[in-house]
C-alpha cells in the first residue's frame, strides 16, 4: 500500500476506536449521573471531561519518546575509547 492509503486507514481506524470509546464512556457517565441526584450538576459537562481526558491520553501516547532496542543507556559507550 502507498503511504497515503496506510495513513488514511490508520486515521480511519483511530477515528472509529475513538468514537466507540467516547460513546460508551459517555453512555456510562450519563447513566451514572441519572442515577445519582448529587451529580445532576454534571449533566452535559461529562462530554467536556471525556474530551479533555482523551486529549491527555493522546498527548501521553504521542509525547512519549520512542527508544529503539539498541539505543539504550550505555549501548556503545566507550567503544573505541582505549584503542
PDB file of N, CA and C in Angstrom:
ATOM      1  N   UNK A   1       0.823  -1.182   0.000  1.00  0.00           N
ATOM      2  CA  UNK A   1       0.000   0.000   0.000  1.00  0.00           C
ATOM      3  C   UNK A   1       0.871   1.251   0.000  1.00  0.00           C
ATOM      4  N   UNK A   2       0.340   2.302  -0.554  1.00  0.00           N
ATOM      5  CA  UNK A   2       1.078   3.557  -0.554  1.00  0.00           C
ATOM      6  C   UNK A   2       0.977   4.208   0.821  1.00  0.00           C
ATOM      7  N   UNK A   3       1.903   5.106   1.132  1.00  0.00           N
ATOM      8  CA  UNK A   3       1.845   5.780   2.440  1.00  0.00           C
ATOM      9  C   UNK A   3       0.544   6.554   2.652  1.00  0.00           C
ATOM     10  N   UNK A   4      -0.020   7.102   1.583  1.00  0.00           N
ATOM     11  CA  UNK A   4      -1.269   7.853   1.718  1.00  0.00           C
ATOM     12  C   UNK A   4      -2.404   6.920   2.131  1.00  0.00           C
ATOM     13  N   UNK A   5      -2.475   5.740   1.527  1.00  0.00           N
ATOM     14  CA  UNK A   5      -3.536   4.784   1.846  1.00  0.00           C
ATOM     15  C   UNK A   5      -3.369   4.267   3.271  1.00  0.00           C
ATOM     16  N   UNK A   6      -2.142   3.931   3.660  1.00  0.00           N
ATOM     17  CA  UNK A   6      -1.934   3.415   5.019  1.00  0.00           C
ATOM     18  C   UNK A   6      -2.178   4.500   6.060  1.00  0.00           C
ATOM     19  N   UNK A   7      -1.820   5.749   5.767  1.00  0.00           N
ATOM     20  CA  UNK A   7      -2.118   6.844   6.696  1.00  0.00           C
ATOM     21  C   UNK A   7      -3.619   7.047   6.826  1.00  0.00           C
ATOM     22  N   UNK A   8      -4.330   7.017   5.703  1.00  0.00           N
ATOM     23  CA  UNK A   8      -5.786   7.183   5.728  1.00  0.00           C
ATOM     24  C   UNK A   8      -6.449   6.044   6.501  1.00  0.00           C
ATOM     25  N   UNK A   9      -5.954   4.832   6.331  1.00  0.00           N
ATOM     26  CA  UNK A   9      -6.505   3.684   7.060  1.00  0.00           C
ATOM     27  C   UNK A   9      -6.243   3.833   8.558  1.00  0.00           C
ATOM     28  N   UNK A  10      -5.049   4.291   8.924  1.00  0.00           N
ATOM     29  CA  UNK A  10      -4.722   4.476  10.336  1.00  0.00           C
ATOM     30  C   UNK A  10      -5.613   5.552  10.966  1.00  0.00           C
ATOM     31  N   UNK A  11      -5.838   6.629  10.250  1.00  0.00           N
ATOM     32  CA  UNK A  11      -6.712   7.696  10.759  1.00  0.00           C
ATOM     33  C   UNK A  11      -8.140   7.176  10.900  1.00  0.00           C
ATOM     34  N   UNK A  12      -8.600   6.404   9.927  1.00  0.00           N
ATOM     35  CA  UNK A  12      -9.949   5.842   9.990  1.00  0.00           C
ATOM     36  C   UNK A  12     -10.125   4.894  11.155  1.00  0.00           C
ATOM     37  N   UNK A  13      -9.160   4.021  11.366  1.00  0.00           N
ATOM     38  CA  UNK A  13      -9.231   3.070  12.487  1.00  0.00           C
ATOM     39  C   UNK A  13      -9.207   3.838  13.814  1.00  0.00           C
ATOM     40  N   UNK A  14      -8.335   4.833  13.909  1.00  0.00           N
ATOM     41  CA  UNK A  14      -8.278   5.643  15.127  1.00  0.00           C
ATOM     42  C   UNK A  14      -9.570   6.384  15.388  1.00  0.00           C
ATOM     43  N   UNK A  15     -10.186   6.904  14.332  1.00  0.00           N
ATOM     44  CA  UNK A  15     -11.447   7.635  14.483  1.00  0.00           C
ATOM     45  C   UNK A  15     -12.564   6.717  14.954  1.00  0.00           C
ATOM     46  N   UNK A  16     -12.620   5.520  14.406  1.00  0.00           N
ATOM     47  CA  UNK A  16     -13.658   4.566  14.814  1.00  0.00           C
ATOM     48  C   UNK A  16     -13.452   4.152  16.266  1.00  0.00           C
ATOM     49  N   UNK A  17     -12.218   3.834  16.641  1.00  0.00           N
ATOM     50  CA  UNK A  17     -11.938   3.447  18.033  1.00  0.00           C
ATOM     51  C   UNK A  17     -12.259   4.584  18.991  1.00  0.00           C
ATOM     52  N   UNK A  18     -11.868   5.800  18.637  1.00  0.00           N
ATOM     53  CA  UNK A  18     -12.152   6.950  19.488  1.00  0.00           C
ATOM     54  C   UNK A  18     -13.636   7.211  19.632  1.00  0.00           C
ATOM     55  N   UNK A  19     -14.369   7.094  18.543  1.00  0.00           N
ATOM     56  CA  UNK A  19     -15.815   7.327  18.598  1.00  0.00           C
ATOM     57  C   UNK A  19     -16.506   6.274  19.461  1.00  0.00           C
ATOM     58  N   UNK A  20     -16.102   5.029  19.327  1.00  0.00           N
ATOM     59  CA  UNK A  20     -16.706   3.974  20.147  1.00  0.00           C
ATOM     60  C   UNK A  20     -16.396   4.171  21.627  1.00  0.00           C
ATOM     61  N   UNK A  21     -15.155   4.525  21.928  1.00  0.00           N
ATOM     62  CA  UNK A  21     -14.784   4.767  23.328  1.00  0.00           C
ATOM     63  C   UNK A  21     -15.564   5.945  23.893  1.00  0.00           C
ATOM     64  N   UNK A  22     -15.648   7.032  23.136  1.00  0.00           N
ATOM     65  CA  UNK A  22     -16.367   8.212  23.602  1.00  0.00           C
ATOM     66  C   UNK A  22     -17.848   7.890  23.824  1.00  0.00           C
ATOM     67  N   UNK A  23     -18.437   7.122  22.919  1.00  0.00           N
ATOM     68  CA  UNK A  23     -19.843   6.763  23.047  1.00  0.00           C
ATOM     69  C   UNK A  23     -20.096   5.949  24.312  1.00  0.00           C
ATOM     70  N   UNK A  24     -19.279   4.921  24.531  1.00  0.00           N
ATOM     71  CA  UNK A  24     -19.509   4.041  25.678  1.00  0.00           C
ATOM     72  C   UNK A  24     -19.202   4.735  26.998  1.00  0.00           C
ATOM     73  N   UNK A  25     -18.162   5.542  27.039  1.00  0.00           N
ATOM     74  CA  UNK A  25     -17.857   6.281  28.262  1.00  0.00           C
ATOM     75  C   UNK A  25     -18.962   7.304  28.534  1.00  0.00           C
ATOM     76  N   UNK A  26     -19.420   7.992  27.490  1.00  0.00           N
ATOM     77  CA  UNK A  26     -20.499   8.958  27.651  1.00  0.00           C
ATOM     78  C   UNK A  26     -21.791   8.310  28.113  1.00  0.00           C
ATOM     79  N   UNK A  27     -22.078   7.139  27.572  1.00  0.00           N
ATOM     80  CA  UNK A  27     -23.288   6.411  27.970  1.00  0.00           C
ATOM     81  C   UNK A  27     -23.214   6.002  29.440  1.00  0.00           C
ATOM     82  N   UNK A  28     -22.045   5.499  29.852  1.00  0.00           N
ATOM     83  CA  UNK A  28     -21.873   5.102  31.256  1.00  0.00           C
ATOM     84  C   UNK A  28     -21.967   6.314  32.178  1.00  0.00           C
ATOM     85  N   UNK A  29     -21.377   7.438  31.774  1.00  0.00           N
ATOM     86  CA  UNK A  29     -21.441   8.652  32.592  1.00  0.00           C
ATOM     87  C   UNK A  29     -22.869   9.169  32.691  1.00  0.00           C
ATOM     88  N   UNK A  30     -23.593   9.143  31.590  1.00  0.00           N
ATOM     89  CA  UNK A  30     -24.983   9.613  31.594  1.00  0.00           C
ATOM     90  C   UNK A  30     -25.841   8.751  32.509  1.00  0.00           C
ATOM     91  N   UNK A  31     -25.652   7.444  32.465  1.00  0.00           N
ATOM     92  CA  UNK A  31     -26.412   6.548  33.334  1.00  0.00           C
ATOM     93  C   UNK A  31     -26.087   6.796  34.796  1.00  0.00           C
ATOM     94  N   UNK A  32     -24.797   7.011  35.087  1.00  0.00           N
ATOM     95  CA  UNK A  32     -24.384   7.266  36.470  1.00  0.00           C
ATOM     96  C   UNK A  32     -24.967   8.588  36.971  1.00  0.00           C
ATOM     97  N   UNK A  33     -24.928   9.609  36.133  1.00  0.00           N
ATOM     98  CA  UNK A  33     -25.464  10.921  36.514  1.00  0.00           C
ATOM     99  C   UNK A  33     -26.972  10.840  36.738  1.00  0.00           C
ATOM    100  N   UNK A  34     -27.676  10.081  35.905  1.00  0.00           N
ATOM    101  CA  UNK A  34     -29.134   9.988  36.054  1.00  0.00           C
ATOM    102  C   UNK A  34     -29.539   9.208  37.301  1.00  0.00           C
ATOM    103  N   UNK A  35     -28.680   8.298  37.784  1.00  0.00           N
ATOM    104  CA  UNK A  35     -28.992   7.514  38.985  1.00  0.00           C
ATOM    105  C   UNK A  35     -28.714   8.274  40.275  1.00  0.00           C
ATOM    106  N   UNK A  36     -27.729   9.173  40.257  1.00  0.00           N
ATOM    107  CA  UNK A  36     -27.307   9.863  41.476  1.00  0.00           C
ATOM    108  C   UNK A  36     -27.743  11.325  41.433  1.00  0.00           C
ATOM    109  N   UNK A  37     -28.700  11.724  42.265  1.00  0.00           N
ATOM    110  CA  UNK A  37     -29.176  13.110  42.229  1.00  0.00           C
ATOM    111  C   UNK A  37     -28.103  14.126  42.597  1.00  0.00           C
ATOM    112  N   UNK A  38     -27.081  13.717  43.324  1.00  0.00           N
ATOM    113  CA  UNK A  38     -26.000  14.636  43.691  1.00  0.00           C
ATOM    114  C   UNK A  38     -25.119  15.000  42.502  1.00  0.00           C
ATOM    115  N   UNK A  39     -25.220  14.266  41.417  1.00  0.00           N
ATOM    116  CA  UNK A  39     -24.378  14.520  40.240  1.00  0.00           C
ATOM    117  C   UNK A  39     -25.117  15.264  39.133  1.00  0.00           C
ATOM    118  N   UNK A  40     -26.325  15.730  39.392  1.00  0.00           N
ATOM    119  CA  UNK A  40     -27.128  16.402  38.353  1.00  0.00           C
ATOM    120  C   UNK A  40     -26.426  17.625  37.774  1.00  0.00           C
ATOM    121  N   UNK A  41     -25.572  18.275  38.576  1.00  0.00           N
ATOM    122  CA  UNK A  41     -24.862  19.461  38.074  1.00  0.00           C
ATOM    123  C   UNK A  41     -23.857  19.121  36.977  1.00  0.00           C
ATOM    124  N   UNK A  42     -23.531  17.851  36.808  1.00  0.00           N
ATOM    125  CA  UNK A  42     -22.584  17.427  35.777  1.00  0.00           C
ATOM    126  C   UNK A  42     -23.253  17.157  34.430  1.00  0.00           C
ATOM    127  N   UNK A  43     -24.561  17.259  34.368  1.00  0.00           N
ATOM    128  CA  UNK A  43     -25.272  16.983  33.130  1.00  0.00           C
ATOM    129  C   UNK A  43     -24.733  17.867  32.010  1.00  0.00           C
ATOM    130  N   UNK A  44     -24.266  17.250  30.954  1.00  0.00           N
ATOM    131  CA  UNK A  44     -23.709  17.973  29.814  1.00  0.00           C
ATOM    132  C   UNK A  44     -22.214  18.208  29.908  1.00  0.00           C
ATOM    133  N   UNK A  45     -21.683  18.265  31.113  1.00  0.00           N
ATOM    134  CA  UNK A  45     -20.253  18.523  31.278  1.00  0.00           C
ATOM    135  C   UNK A  45     -19.408  17.268  31.123  1.00  0.00           C
ATOM    136  N   UNK A  46     -20.033  16.106  31.193  1.00  0.00           N
ATOM    137  CA  UNK A  46     -19.245  14.887  31.056  1.00  0.00           C
ATOM    138  C   UNK A  46     -18.619  14.785  29.663  1.00  0.00           C
ATOM    139  N   UNK A  47     -19.242  15.372  28.660  1.00  0.00           N
ATOM    140  CA  UNK A  47     -18.666  15.360  27.311  1.00  0.00           C
ATOM    141  C   UNK A  47     -17.356  16.134  27.287  1.00  0.00           C
ATOM    142  N   UNK A  48     -17.336  17.286  27.934  1.00  0.00           N
ATOM    143  CA  UNK A  48     -16.100  18.067  28.007  1.00  0.00           C
ATOM    144  C   UNK A  48     -15.028  17.289  28.770  1.00  0.00           C
ATOM    145  N   UNK A  49     -15.425  16.622  29.838  1.00  0.00           N
ATOM    146  CA  UNK A  49     -14.472  15.823  30.608  1.00  0.00           C
ATOM    147  C   UNK A  49     -13.882  14.690  29.790  1.00  0.00           C
ATOM    148  N   UNK A  50     -14.717  14.035  28.992  1.00  0.00           N
ATOM    149  CA  UNK A  50     -14.238  12.953  28.131  1.00  0.00           C
ATOM    150  C   UNK A  50     -13.249  13.498  27.104  1.00  0.00           C
ATOM    151  N   UNK A  51     -13.555  14.654  26.516  1.00  0.00           N
ATOM    152  CA  UNK A  51     -12.660  15.247  25.521  1.00  0.00           C
ATOM    153  C   UNK A  51     -11.325  15.646  26.137  1.00  0.00           C
ATOM    154  N   UNK A  52     -11.353  16.216  27.322  1.00  0.00           N
ATOM    155  CA  UNK A  52     -10.110  16.625  27.983  1.00  0.00           C
ATOM    156  C   UNK A  52      -9.282  15.408  28.361  1.00  0.00           C
ATOM    157  N   UNK A  53      -9.931  14.386  28.918  1.00  0.00           N
ATOM    158  CA  UNK A  53      -9.214  13.168  29.274  1.00  0.00           C
ATOM    159  C   UNK A  53      -8.602  12.519  28.038  1.00  0.00           C
ATOM    160  N   UNK A  54      -9.364  12.468  26.945  1.00  0.00           N
ATOM    161  CA  UNK A  54      -8.838  11.905  25.700  1.00  0.00           C
ATOM    162  C   UNK A  54      -7.648  12.691  25.175  1.00  0.00           C
ATOM    163  N   UNK A  55      -7.667  14.000  25.340  1.00  0.00           N
ATOM    164  CA  UNK A  55      -6.539  14.828  24.905  1.00  0.00           C
ATOM    165  C   UNK A  55      -5.282  14.510  25.708  1.00  0.00           C
ATOM    166  N   UNK A  56      -5.447  14.325  27.020  1.00  0.00           N
ATOM    167  CA  UNK A  56      -4.294  13.965  27.841  1.00  0.00           C
ATOM    168  C   UNK A  56      -3.753  12.578  27.471  1.00  0.00           C
ATOM    169  N   UNK A  57      -4.656  11.642  27.204  1.00  0.00           N
ATOM    170  CA  UNK A  57      -4.225  10.290  26.817  1.00  0.00           C
ATOM    171  C   UNK A  57      -3.443  10.346  25.498  1.00  0.00           C
ATOM    172  N   UNK A  58      -3.998  11.049  24.503  1.00  0.00           N
ATOM    173  CA  UNK A  58      -3.294  11.155  23.227  1.00  0.00           C
ATOM    174  C   UNK A  58      -1.961  11.888  23.377  1.00  0.00           C
ATOM    175  N   UNK A  59      -1.937  12.922  24.202  1.00  0.00           N
ATOM    176  CA  UNK A  59      -0.683  13.628  24.450  1.00  0.00           C
ATOM    177  C   UNK A  59       0.353  12.726  25.094  1.00  0.00           C
ATOM    178  N   UNK A  60      -0.095  11.882  26.019  1.00  0.00           N
ATOM    179  CA  UNK A  60       0.827  10.938  26.655  1.00  0.00           C
ATOM    180  C   UNK A  60       1.332   9.885  25.696  1.00  0.00           C
ATOM    181  N   UNK A  61       0.440   9.394  24.845  1.00  0.00           N
ATOM    182  CA  UNK A  61       0.837   8.359  23.883  1.00  0.00           C
ATOM    183  C   UNK A  61       1.813   8.912  22.856  1.00  0.00           C
ATOM    184  N   UNK A  62       1.463  10.052  22.268  1.00  0.00           N
ATOM    185  CA  UNK A  62       2.296  10.595  21.205  1.00  0.00           C
ATOM    186  C   UNK A  62       3.441  11.443  21.719  1.00  0.00           C
ATOM    187  N   UNK A  63       3.434  11.816  22.982  1.00  0.00           N
ATOM    188  CA  UNK A  63       4.529  12.594  23.552  1.00  0.00           C
ATOM    189  C   UNK A  63       5.602  11.734  24.190  1.00  0.00           C
ATOM    190  N   UNK A  64       5.340  10.437  24.307  1.00  0.00           N
ATOM    191  CA  UNK A  64       6.316   9.534  24.899  1.00  0.00           C
ATOM    192  C   UNK A  64       7.428   9.246  23.900  1.00  0.00           C
ATOM    193  N   UNK A  65       8.670   9.470  24.312  1.00  0.00           N
ATOM    194  CA  UNK A  65       9.766   9.206  23.370  1.00  0.00           C
ATOM    195  C   UNK A  65       9.881   7.718  23.054  1.00  0.00           C
ATOM    196  N   UNK A  66      10.216   7.438  21.828  1.00  0.00           N
ATOM    197  CA  UNK A  66      10.408   6.057  21.386  1.00  0.00           C
ATOM    198  C   UNK A  66      11.902   5.789  21.338  1.00  0.00           C
ATOM    199  N   UNK A  67      12.318   4.758  22.046  1.00  0.00           N
ATOM    200  CA  UNK A  67      13.727   4.399  22.084  1.00  0.00           C
ATOM    201  C   UNK A  67      13.871   3.037  21.429  1.00  0.00           C
ATOM    202  N   UNK A  68      14.753   2.948  20.443  1.00  0.00           N
ATOM    203  CA  UNK A  68      14.962   1.650  19.798  1.00  0.00           C
ATOM    204  C   UNK A  68      15.739   0.731  20.728  1.00  0.00           C
ATOM    205  N   UNK A  69      15.675  -0.576  20.469  1.00  0.00           N
ATOM    206  CA  UNK A  69      16.262  -1.569  21.354  1.00  0.00           C
ATOM    207  C   UNK A  69      17.773  -1.388  21.499  1.00  0.00           C
ATOM    208  N   UNK A  70      18.450  -0.958  20.459  1.00  0.00           N
ATOM    209  CA  UNK A  70      19.906  -0.820  20.525  1.00  0.00           C
ATOM    210  C   UNK A  70      20.361   0.535  21.055  1.00  0.00           C
ATOM    211  N   UNK A  71      19.445   1.416  21.358  1.00  0.00           N
ATOM    212  CA  UNK A  71      19.835   2.769  21.780  1.00  0.00           C
ATOM    213  C   UNK A  71      19.714   2.969  23.280  1.00  0.00           C
ATOM    214  N   UNK A  72      19.726   1.891  24.036  1.00  0.00           N
ATOM    215  CA  UNK A  72      19.603   2.003  25.481  1.00  0.00           C
ATOM    216  C   UNK A  72      20.825   2.670  26.101  1.00  0.00           C
ATOM    217  N   UNK A  73      20.748   2.952  27.389  1.00  0.00           N
ATOM    218  CA  UNK A  73      21.844   3.610  28.101  1.00  0.00           C
ATOM    219  C   UNK A  73      23.083   2.728  28.044  1.00  0.00           C
ATOM    220  N   UNK A  74      24.161   3.302  27.637  1.00  0.00           N
ATOM    221  CA  UNK A  74      25.426   2.591  27.619  1.00  0.00           C
ATOM    222  C   UNK A  74      25.663   1.741  26.373  1.00  0.00           C
ATOM    223  N   UNK A  75      24.756   1.708  25.464  1.00  0.00           N
ATOM    224  CA  UNK A  75      24.959   0.916  24.260  1.00  0.00           C
ATOM    225  C   UNK A  75      26.040   1.585  23.420  1.00  0.00           C
ATOM    226  N   UNK A  76      27.170   0.975  23.385  1.00  0.00           N
ATOM    227  CA  UNK A  76      28.265   1.533  22.599  1.00  0.00           C
ATOM    228  C   UNK A  76      29.062   2.581  23.356  1.00  0.00           C
ATOM    229  N   UNK A  77      28.759   2.803  24.624  1.00  0.00           N
ATOM    230  CA  UNK A  77      29.505   3.782  25.394  1.00  0.00           C
ATOM    231  C   UNK A  77      30.927   3.305  25.588  1.00  0.00           C
ATOM    232  N   UNK A  78      31.818   4.139  25.259  1.00  0.00           N
ATOM    233  CA  UNK A  78      33.238   3.797  25.425  1.00  0.00           C
ATOM    234  C   UNK A  78      33.787   2.945  24.305  1.00  0.00           C
ATOM    235  N   UNK A  79      33.034   2.725  23.280  1.00  0.00           N
ATOM    236  CA  UNK A  79      33.512   1.922  22.169  1.00  0.00           C
ATOM    237  C   UNK A  79      34.694   2.627  21.505  1.00  0.00           C
ATOM    238  N   UNK A  80      35.789   1.961  21.499  1.00  0.00           N
ATOM    239  CA  UNK A  80      36.987   2.519  20.884  1.00  0.00           C
ATOM    240  C   UNK A  80      37.687   3.547  21.754  1.00  0.00           C
ATOM    241  N   UNK A  81      37.306   3.669  22.995  1.00  0.00           N
ATOM    242  CA  UNK A  81      37.904   4.687  23.858  1.00  0.00           C
ATOM    243  C   UNK A  81      39.351   4.375  24.175  1.00  0.00           C
ATOM    244  N   UNK A  82      39.651   3.102  24.312  1.00  0.00           N
ATOM    245  CA  UNK A  82      41.027   2.756  24.685  1.00  0.00           C
ATOM    246  C   UNK A  82      41.879   2.381  23.497  1.00  0.00           C
ATOM    247  N   UNK A  83      41.347   2.447  22.287  1.00  0.00           N
ATOM    248  CA  UNK A  83      42.088   1.969  21.121  1.00  0.00           C
ATOM    249  C   UNK A  83      42.937   3.022  20.524  1.00  0.00           C
TER     250      UNK A  83
END
